[in-house]
């Protein structure tokens, strides 16, 4: 199914929550887990129902569940072994362990292009994020430049919180470094023997590349004011 990165997160959370608790999470629980508003969750859930990824049992509360097609697709993805892609990942200093949620500080390692690729930057600066959002999965932050991810709510000047990983599942938004050492922020997909880096902006075209280094997966956004 053609889901956004945020919709993938919601689907995975509902799936795991139901496996653990036997019923669906509330909108408030989903919002708290992902660090977004209940209104945003409600909009995504409505879209997921229209796409055939979620359904509700009639006359029952907390009954949202994955459709059989979505559950099969998700379970197949979850069974897939973690896969290293592209070049070996270089070490990122001071970005090894996830930050604590309360009073967390994350290293700001520079800027990332959400548009045309920029040269990768690693200017270290500590930023307090614990009071702003859930940062327990994040290892570092990058400042976004460009508008290629605006349909996922990632705008020019925002900060993305990144979990340090060099494997990604289809549909996740990643920090991708190309062979010429240029970095860009895009949705990640495997496409036959290549990799597709897809913008969340209908006005822009995806990038199809032979090799890519995944340097991290976006797990949160801090809005610029």
Protein backbone atom coordinates (compact mmCIF):
# COMPACT_ATOMS: atom_id res chain seq x y z
CA UNK A 1 0.00 0.00 0.00
CA UNK A 2 1.12 3.53 -0.68
CA UNK A 3 1.35 4.92 2.86
CA UNK A 4 3.26 7.93 4.13
CA UNK A 5 6.03 7.44 6.69
CA UNK A 6 3.74 8.76 9.44
CA UNK A 7 0.95 6.39 8.38
CA UNK A 8 3.41 3.48 8.54
CA UNK A 9 4.25 4.51 12.11
CA UNK A 10 0.57 4.58 13.08
CA UNK A 11 -0.13 1.20 11.49
CA UNK A 12 2.85 -0.41 13.24
CA UNK A 13 1.88 1.07 16.60
CA UNK A 14 -1.73 -0.15 16.32
CA UNK A 15 -0.52 -3.61 15.28
CA UNK A 16 1.92 -3.93 18.20
CA UNK A 17 -0.49 -2.41 20.71
CA UNK A 18 -3.24 -4.88 19.75
CA UNK A 19 -0.81 -7.81 19.94
CA UNK A 20 0.19 -6.71 23.43
CA UNK A 21 -3.16 -5.56 24.84
CA UNK A 22 -5.87 -7.25 22.77
CA UNK A 23 -7.56 -3.96 21.81
CA UNK A 24 -6.73 -0.85 19.85
CA UNK A 25 -5.00 2.21 21.31
CA UNK A 26 -6.95 5.43 21.70
CA UNK A 27 -6.20 8.46 19.54
CA UNK A 28 -4.62 10.08 22.59
CA UNK A 29 -2.28 7.10 23.11
CA UNK A 30 -1.22 7.15 19.46
CA UNK A 31 -0.66 10.91 19.63
CA UNK A 32 1.44 10.59 22.80
CA UNK A 33 3.53 7.77 21.32
CA UNK A 34 4.31 9.66 18.10
CA UNK A 35 4.50 13.15 19.57
CA UNK A 36 1.71 14.61 17.40
CA UNK A 37 -1.80 15.98 18.05
CA UNK A 38 -5.00 13.91 18.30
CA UNK A 39 -6.42 15.91 15.37
CA UNK A 40 -3.46 14.84 13.21
CA UNK A 41 -3.90 11.21 14.30
CA UNK A 42 -7.63 11.34 13.48
CA UNK A 43 -6.84 12.67 9.97
CA UNK A 44 -4.28 9.93 9.35
CA UNK A 45 -6.58 7.18 10.65
CA UNK A 46 -9.37 8.41 8.33
CA UNK A 47 -6.96 8.31 5.39
CA UNK A 48 -5.77 4.83 6.38
CA UNK A 49 -9.37 3.61 6.41
CA UNK A 50 -9.92 5.06 2.92
CA UNK A 51 -6.74 3.35 1.70
CA UNK A 52 -7.93 -0.01 3.06
CA UNK A 53 -5.21 -0.30 5.69
CA UNK A 54 -7.45 0.04 8.77
CA UNK A 55 -11.01 -0.96 9.61
CA UNK A 56 -13.30 -0.75 12.65
CA UNK A 57 -15.52 -3.40 14.17
CA UNK A 58 -19.07 -1.95 14.32
CA UNK A 59 -20.59 -1.00 17.68
CA UNK A 60 -17.35 -1.59 19.59
CA UNK A 61 -15.02 0.97 21.15
CA UNK A 62 -11.25 0.77 20.66
CA UNK A 63 -11.87 -1.61 17.77
CA UNK A 64 -9.59 -0.17 15.07
CA UNK A 65 -7.56 -2.95 13.51
CA UNK A 66 -5.43 -3.62 10.46
CA UNK A 67 -7.18 -5.12 7.46
CA UNK A 68 -6.00 -8.60 6.50
CA UNK A 69 -4.15 -7.21 3.50
CA UNK A 70 -2.36 -4.59 5.59
CA UNK A 71 -1.53 -7.10 8.33
CA UNK A 72 -0.02 -9.55 5.85
CA UNK A 73 2.01 -6.75 4.26
CA UNK A 74 3.25 -5.45 7.62
CA UNK A 75 4.15 -8.91 8.96
CA UNK A 76 6.09 -9.63 5.77
CA UNK A 77 8.00 -6.37 6.26
CA UNK A 78 8.67 -7.07 9.93
CA UNK A 79 10.07 -10.50 9.07
CA UNK A 80 12.53 -9.00 6.64
CA UNK A 81 16.06 -9.09 7.95
CA UNK A 82 17.77 -5.78 8.63
CA UNK A 83 19.79 -4.90 5.56
CA UNK A 84 22.83 -2.69 5.19
CA UNK A 85 22.75 -0.66 2.00
CA UNK A 86 25.43 1.20 0.10
CA UNK A 87 28.70 2.24 1.66
CA UNK A 88 29.89 1.53 5.21
CA UNK A 89 28.43 3.97 7.73
CA UNK A 90 30.96 6.37 9.26
CA UNK A 91 30.94 6.94 13.01
CA UNK A 92 28.85 9.85 14.29
CA UNK A 93 30.55 11.21 17.38
CA UNK A 94 28.35 11.70 20.46
CA UNK A 95 25.36 10.12 18.76
CA UNK A 96 25.54 6.51 19.93
CA UNK A 97 22.81 6.28 22.55
CA UNK A 98 19.18 7.48 22.39
CA UNK A 99 18.45 10.46 24.61
CA UNK A 100 16.25 10.30 27.69
CA UNK A 101 12.82 11.86 27.14
CA UNK A 102 13.00 14.10 30.19
CA UNK A 103 15.38 17.04 29.76
CA UNK A 104 16.99 15.47 26.68
CA UNK A 105 19.76 17.16 24.72
CA UNK A 106 20.53 16.00 21.19
CA UNK A 107 23.53 16.92 19.06
CA UNK A 108 22.61 19.10 16.09
CA UNK A 109 24.89 17.77 13.34
CA UNK A 110 24.17 20.33 10.62
CA UNK A 111 21.67 20.68 7.80
CA UNK A 112 19.90 18.18 5.54
CA UNK A 113 18.28 18.98 2.21
CA UNK A 114 14.59 18.35 1.67
CA UNK A 115 14.86 19.23 -2.00
CA UNK A 116 18.06 19.14 -4.01
CA UNK A 117 20.90 17.36 -2.21
CA UNK A 118 23.30 19.38 -0.06
CA UNK A 119 26.80 18.49 0.97
CA UNK A 120 26.64 16.52 4.21
CA UNK A 121 27.39 18.68 7.26
CA UNK A 122 28.30 17.73 10.81
CA UNK A 123 28.41 20.93 12.88
CA UNK A 124 27.93 19.78 16.46
CA UNK A 125 25.71 21.78 18.78
CA UNK A 126 23.59 20.51 21.69
CA UNK A 127 19.88 21.35 21.58
CA UNK A 128 17.41 20.83 24.43
CA UNK A 129 14.43 18.83 23.13
CA UNK A 130 13.04 16.95 26.12
CA UNK A 131 10.32 19.49 26.81
CA UNK A 132 9.34 19.77 23.15
CA UNK A 133 8.73 16.21 22.00
CA UNK A 134 9.39 12.53 22.58
CA UNK A 135 13.09 11.99 21.92
CA UNK A 136 13.64 8.55 23.41
CA UNK A 137 14.42 6.94 20.04
CA UNK A 138 16.50 9.78 18.62
CA UNK A 139 20.29 10.04 18.51
CA UNK A 140 20.80 13.38 16.76
CA UNK A 141 19.07 16.27 14.98
CA UNK A 142 19.38 17.93 11.58
CA UNK A 143 18.01 21.26 10.37
CA UNK A 144 15.86 20.89 7.24
CA UNK A 145 16.43 23.01 4.15
CA UNK A 146 13.92 22.83 1.28
CA UNK A 147 10.29 21.87 0.75
CA UNK A 148 10.37 18.38 -0.74
CA UNK A 149 8.86 16.79 2.42
CA UNK A 150 6.07 19.31 3.10
CA UNK A 151 3.26 16.78 2.54
CA UNK A 152 4.65 14.83 5.50
CA UNK A 153 4.61 17.98 7.61
CA UNK A 154 8.39 18.57 7.38
CA UNK A 155 8.99 22.17 6.33
CA UNK A 156 11.97 24.37 5.57
CA UNK A 157 13.68 25.36 8.83
CA UNK A 158 12.20 22.51 10.89
CA UNK A 159 14.42 20.11 12.83
CA UNK A 160 14.18 16.35 12.29
CA UNK A 161 15.01 13.92 15.10
CA UNK A 162 16.94 10.98 13.71
CA UNK A 163 17.42 7.45 15.01
CA UNK A 164 20.89 6.32 14.03
CA UNK A 165 20.35 3.31 11.74
CA UNK A 166 21.78 2.20 8.43
CA UNK A 167 18.87 -0.04 7.53
CA UNK A 168 15.37 1.14 6.66
CA UNK A 169 12.01 -0.32 5.72
CA UNK A 170 10.15 0.78 2.62
CA UNK A 171 8.24 4.00 3.25
CA UNK A 172 10.39 5.29 6.11
CA UNK A 173 11.85 8.80 5.85
CA UNK A 174 15.61 8.56 5.90
CA UNK A 175 18.77 10.62 5.96
CA UNK A 176 20.29 9.38 2.70
CA UNK A 177 23.87 10.02 1.58
CA UNK A 178 24.56 9.57 -2.13
CA UNK A 179 27.75 8.32 -3.76
CA UNK A 180 29.02 11.89 -4.22
CA UNK A 181 28.67 12.45 -0.44
CA UNK A 182 25.61 14.68 -0.83
CA UNK A 183 22.91 14.22 1.81
CA UNK A 184 19.15 14.42 1.31
CA UNK A 185 15.95 13.71 3.26
CA UNK A 186 13.53 11.42 1.44
CA UNK A 187 11.19 8.44 1.79
CA UNK A 188 13.12 5.22 1.15
CA UNK A 189 11.98 2.37 -1.13
CA UNK A 190 13.67 -0.63 -2.69
CA UNK A 191 12.92 -0.62 -6.42
CA UNK A 192 13.99 -3.77 -8.25
CA UNK A 193 17.82 -3.64 -8.10
CA UNK A 194 17.89 0.06 -7.30
CA UNK A 195 16.76 2.38 -4.51
CA UNK A 196 14.08 5.03 -4.87
CA UNK A 197 14.26 8.21 -2.79
CA UNK A 198 10.82 9.76 -2.96
CA UNK A 199 9.87 13.33 -1.97
CA UNK A 200 6.63 14.14 -0.14
CA UNK A 201 5.81 16.88 -2.61
CA UNK A 202 3.70 16.19 -5.69
CA UNK A 203 5.59 18.85 -7.64
CA UNK A 204 8.88 16.94 -7.40
CA UNK A 205 10.10 13.69 -8.95
CA UNK A 206 11.69 10.76 -7.07
CA UNK A 207 15.38 9.93 -7.35
CA UNK A 208 16.38 6.47 -8.56
CA UNK A 209 19.91 5.46 -7.52
CA UNK A 210 22.13 2.36 -7.65
CA UNK A 211 23.67 2.90 -4.22
CA UNK A 212 22.68 4.86 -1.15
CA UNK A 213 23.93 5.05 2.41
CA UNK A 214 21.15 5.22 4.98
CA UNK A 215 22.53 7.20 7.89
CA UNK A 216 19.36 7.36 9.98
CA UNK A 217 15.57 7.20 10.10
CA UNK A 218 13.41 10.18 11.06
CA UNK A 219 11.48 9.56 14.30
CA UNK A 220 10.24 13.06 15.06
CA UNK A 221 9.99 16.68 13.92
CA UNK A 222 10.47 19.89 15.89
CA UNK A 223 8.61 22.77 14.24
CA UNK A 224 10.56 25.96 13.58
CA UNK A 225 8.87 29.12 14.88
